[in-house]
Amino acid sequence: MNTRWGEGVWAALVALADRLATIGPAVFIMITLIVLGLLAGALLRAVVSRLARAIGFDRHMERWGIGSSVRGAGVLRAPSDVLGLLFFWATYCGPCKASLPEVLAFERERHTQVIAVTDELREQLDTFFKKFDAPFPETVAMDEYRKAFLAYGVSGTPTFVLLDGTGKVRSYATGYSADKGLGIAGWSWTKPAPVGG
């Protein structure tokens, strides 16, 4: 009787081992994918959180993600009625460069933080800023994966997105010419005459 009982237990253990051998790899792969997904999510959240704090948009970080901040560590927050102006630009964009005096005038006169957002890589930006000596917004952010570009429907540069204190879009304009200006409702600007001319 002991032998029969032992054979039955042994048979059950063998059957269990066969079943585990069949589903074991699938369970291992599933657990591995879950752990990798959690780690990737935590890493992405850390990157987005760090940038959001750096540029003062920490309250709205879930709305859009930008890779990392290039310039502008000690950024002042904008007044409560206006969060800031997102200035989507590119180093090769002539109209972007032409808009800079007005962008900076808007920042100064409206006391509104300007965040210059680009999808170009750090190496391109470093090369650009070594040669470009004209005034530029203090805060420049890289959007390597174009998350902010996609979130705000940006398809061309320059694009100007004015956000209010709740993160809602108050004004949106694409393109720039001196005649048109930034295209922000309620804003007009006259370029100062050249000194001595």
Protein backbone atom coordinates (compact mmCIF):
# COMPACT_ATOMS: atom_id res chain seq x y z
CA MET A 1 0.00 0.00 0.00
CA ASN A 2 2.88 2.36 0.79
CA THR A 3 4.35 1.69 -2.61
CA ARG A 4 1.07 2.50 -4.37
CA TRP A 5 0.72 5.67 -2.38
CA GLY A 6 4.34 6.63 -3.21
CA GLU A 7 3.78 5.91 -6.90
CA GLY A 8 0.65 8.05 -6.89
CA VAL A 9 2.45 10.96 -5.23
CA TRP A 10 5.36 10.56 -7.62
CA ALA A 11 2.99 10.52 -10.63
CA ALA A 12 1.27 13.69 -9.35
CA LEU A 13 4.62 15.44 -8.90
CA VAL A 14 5.73 14.43 -12.40
CA ALA A 15 2.43 15.71 -13.86
CA LEU A 16 2.82 18.99 -11.95
CA ALA A 17 6.41 19.37 -13.17
CA ASP A 18 5.26 18.79 -16.77
CA ARG A 19 2.57 21.44 -16.44
CA LEU A 20 4.99 23.93 -14.86
CA ALA A 21 7.53 23.23 -17.61
CA THR A 22 4.84 24.08 -20.15
CA ILE A 23 3.65 27.36 -18.60
CA GLY A 24 6.85 28.33 -16.76
CA PRO A 25 8.55 30.17 -19.67
CA ALA A 26 5.34 32.07 -20.45
CA VAL A 27 4.98 33.14 -16.81
CA PHE A 28 8.64 34.18 -16.70
CA ILE A 29 8.27 36.25 -19.90
CA MET A 30 5.08 37.86 -18.59
CA ILE A 31 6.68 38.83 -15.28
CA THR A 32 9.78 40.13 -17.10
CA LEU A 33 7.66 42.30 -19.42
CA ILE A 34 5.66 43.70 -16.50
CA VAL A 35 8.86 44.60 -14.61
CA LEU A 36 10.42 46.19 -17.73
CA GLY A 37 7.24 48.17 -18.39
CA LEU A 38 7.17 49.46 -14.82
CA LEU A 39 10.86 50.43 -14.99
CA ALA A 40 10.41 52.20 -18.34
CA GLY A 41 7.39 54.07 -17.01
CA ALA A 42 9.24 55.15 -13.88
CA LEU A 43 12.21 56.34 -15.94
CA LEU A 44 10.00 58.33 -18.33
CA ARG A 45 8.09 59.89 -15.43
CA ALA A 46 11.37 60.89 -13.73
CA VAL A 47 12.65 62.57 -16.90
CA VAL A 48 9.40 64.44 -17.53
CA SER A 49 9.07 65.43 -13.85
CA ARG A 50 12.61 66.78 -13.72
CA LEU A 51 12.10 68.90 -16.81
CA ALA A 52 8.70 70.12 -15.67
CA ARG A 53 10.22 71.33 -12.41
CA ALA A 54 13.15 72.92 -14.27
CA ILE A 55 10.93 75.01 -16.52
CA GLY A 56 8.19 75.72 -13.98
CA PHE A 57 5.48 73.61 -15.58
CA ASP A 58 5.39 70.98 -12.85
CA ARG A 59 1.65 71.49 -12.31
CA HIS A 60 0.99 70.59 -15.93
CA MET A 61 3.57 67.87 -16.56
CA GLU A 62 0.94 65.25 -17.35
CA ARG A 63 -0.29 67.30 -20.31
CA TRP A 64 2.99 67.25 -22.23
CA GLY A 65 6.46 65.80 -21.93
CA ILE A 66 9.74 67.22 -23.04
CA GLY A 67 13.03 65.34 -23.02
CA SER A 68 15.35 67.60 -21.06
CA SER A 69 16.12 71.23 -20.39
CA VAL A 70 19.10 72.74 -22.18
CA ARG A 71 19.16 76.19 -20.59
CA GLY A 72 17.39 78.08 -17.83
CA ALA A 73 17.90 76.43 -14.46
CA GLY A 74 16.57 79.23 -12.22
CA VAL A 75 13.35 80.13 -14.02
CA LEU A 76 10.82 82.51 -12.48
CA ARG A 77 7.19 81.46 -12.66
CA ALA A 78 4.77 83.54 -14.66
CA PRO A 79 1.86 85.38 -13.01
CA SER A 80 -1.14 83.24 -12.14
CA ASP A 81 -3.23 84.49 -15.07
CA VAL A 82 -0.67 83.39 -17.66
CA LEU A 83 1.49 80.29 -17.39
CA GLY A 84 3.78 80.96 -20.33
CA LEU A 85 4.44 81.13 -24.03
CA LEU A 86 5.68 78.00 -25.76
CA PHE A 87 7.84 79.08 -28.69
CA PHE A 88 8.36 76.11 -31.03
CA TRP A 89 11.45 76.82 -33.12
CA ALA A 90 14.37 75.30 -35.04
CA THR A 91 17.99 76.35 -35.47
CA TYR A 92 17.60 76.47 -39.28
CA CYS A 93 14.33 78.44 -39.21
CA GLY A 94 14.75 81.99 -40.55
CA PRO A 95 11.30 83.22 -39.42
CA CYS A 96 12.05 81.83 -35.92
CA LYS A 97 15.16 84.02 -35.71
CA ALA A 98 13.28 86.99 -37.17
CA SER A 99 10.61 86.63 -34.46
CA LEU A 100 13.09 86.73 -31.55
CA PRO A 101 13.01 90.51 -30.90
CA GLU A 102 9.22 90.42 -30.67
CA VAL A 103 9.20 87.19 -28.61
CA LEU A 104 11.59 88.78 -26.11
CA ALA A 105 9.57 92.02 -26.10
CA PHE A 106 6.42 89.99 -25.34
CA GLU A 107 8.21 88.21 -22.50
CA ARG A 108 9.46 91.49 -21.05
CA GLU A 109 6.29 93.59 -21.47
CA ARG A 110 3.78 90.90 -20.48
CA HIS A 111 5.98 89.40 -17.71
CA THR A 112 5.34 86.02 -19.29
CA GLN A 113 7.88 83.24 -19.29
CA VAL A 114 8.89 82.05 -22.77
CA ILE A 115 9.94 78.43 -23.23
CA ALA A 116 11.74 77.85 -26.54
CA VAL A 117 10.91 74.25 -27.52
CA THR A 118 12.84 72.40 -30.22
CA ASP A 119 13.05 68.81 -31.41
CA GLU A 120 16.72 69.12 -32.28
CA LEU A 121 19.47 67.26 -30.43
CA ARG A 122 21.79 68.77 -27.83
CA GLU A 123 24.79 68.64 -30.21
CA GLN A 124 22.92 70.77 -32.78
CA LEU A 125 21.87 73.22 -30.08
CA ASP A 126 25.37 73.49 -28.62
CA THR A 127 26.76 74.26 -32.08
CA PHE A 128 24.00 76.80 -32.73
CA PHE A 129 24.45 78.66 -29.43
CA LYS A 130 28.23 78.83 -29.88
CA LYS A 131 27.68 80.84 -33.08
CA PHE A 132 24.37 82.64 -32.38
CA ASP A 133 25.06 85.77 -30.37
CA ALA A 134 21.71 87.57 -30.56
CA PRO A 135 19.42 87.65 -27.49
CA PHE A 136 17.45 84.44 -27.04
CA PRO A 137 14.83 83.22 -24.52
CA GLU A 138 16.47 82.11 -21.29
CA THR A 139 14.78 78.71 -21.20
CA VAL A 140 15.33 76.27 -24.05
CA ALA A 141 13.87 72.78 -23.88
CA MET A 142 14.52 69.75 -26.07
CA ASP A 143 11.55 67.73 -27.28
CA GLU A 144 13.50 64.95 -28.98
CA TYR A 145 10.47 62.65 -29.19
CA ARG A 146 8.17 65.52 -30.30
CA LYS A 147 5.67 64.93 -27.49
CA ALA A 148 4.95 68.63 -27.01
CA PHE A 149 4.85 69.13 -30.80
CA LEU A 150 2.21 66.40 -31.03
CA ALA A 151 0.30 67.51 -27.92
CA TYR A 152 -0.14 71.02 -29.35
CA GLY A 153 -0.52 70.02 -33.01
CA VAL A 154 2.64 71.82 -34.08
CA SER A 155 3.50 71.09 -37.70
CA GLY A 156 5.65 74.10 -38.55
CA THR A 157 7.99 76.60 -36.98
CA PRO A 158 7.74 79.05 -35.52
CA THR A 159 4.58 78.24 -33.60
CA PHE A 160 3.48 80.30 -30.60
CA VAL A 161 1.23 78.70 -27.96
CA LEU A 162 0.11 80.95 -25.09
CA LEU A 163 -1.04 78.98 -22.04
CA ASP A 164 -3.09 80.37 -19.16
CA GLY A 165 -2.75 79.54 -15.47
CA THR A 166 -4.76 76.33 -15.87
CA GLY A 167 -2.67 75.13 -18.82
CA LYS A 168 -5.37 75.88 -21.40
CA VAL A 169 -4.39 77.34 -24.77
CA ARG A 170 -5.33 81.03 -24.90
CA SER A 171 -3.71 81.77 -28.25
CA TYR A 172 -2.15 79.71 -31.04
CA ALA A 173 -0.35 80.94 -34.14
CA THR A 174 2.03 79.44 -36.68
CA GLY A 175 4.48 81.36 -38.85
CA TYR A 176 5.98 84.79 -38.49
CA SER A 177 6.38 87.95 -40.48
CA ALA A 178 7.04 91.46 -39.22
CA ASP A 179 3.64 92.56 -40.56
CA LYS A 180 1.70 89.73 -38.89
CA GLY A 181 3.70 89.61 -35.68
CA LEU A 182 3.31 86.78 -33.18
CA GLY A 183 -0.40 86.41 -33.89
CA ILE A 184 -1.32 86.57 -30.20
CA ALA A 185 -4.73 88.12 -29.57
CA GLY A 186 -4.48 91.50 -27.86
CA TRP A 187 -0.77 91.88 -28.61
CA SER A 188 0.83 94.26 -31.06
CA TRP A 189 4.39 95.42 -31.29
CA THR A 190 6.26 97.97 -33.30
CA LYS A 191 9.88 97.20 -33.98
CA PRO A 192 12.07 99.98 -32.60
CA ALA A 193 13.82 102.13 -35.17
CA PRO A 194 17.54 101.42 -35.55
CA VAL A 195 19.75 103.57 -33.34
CA GLY A 196 21.41 106.39 -35.31
CA GLY A 197 19.38 105.70 -38.42
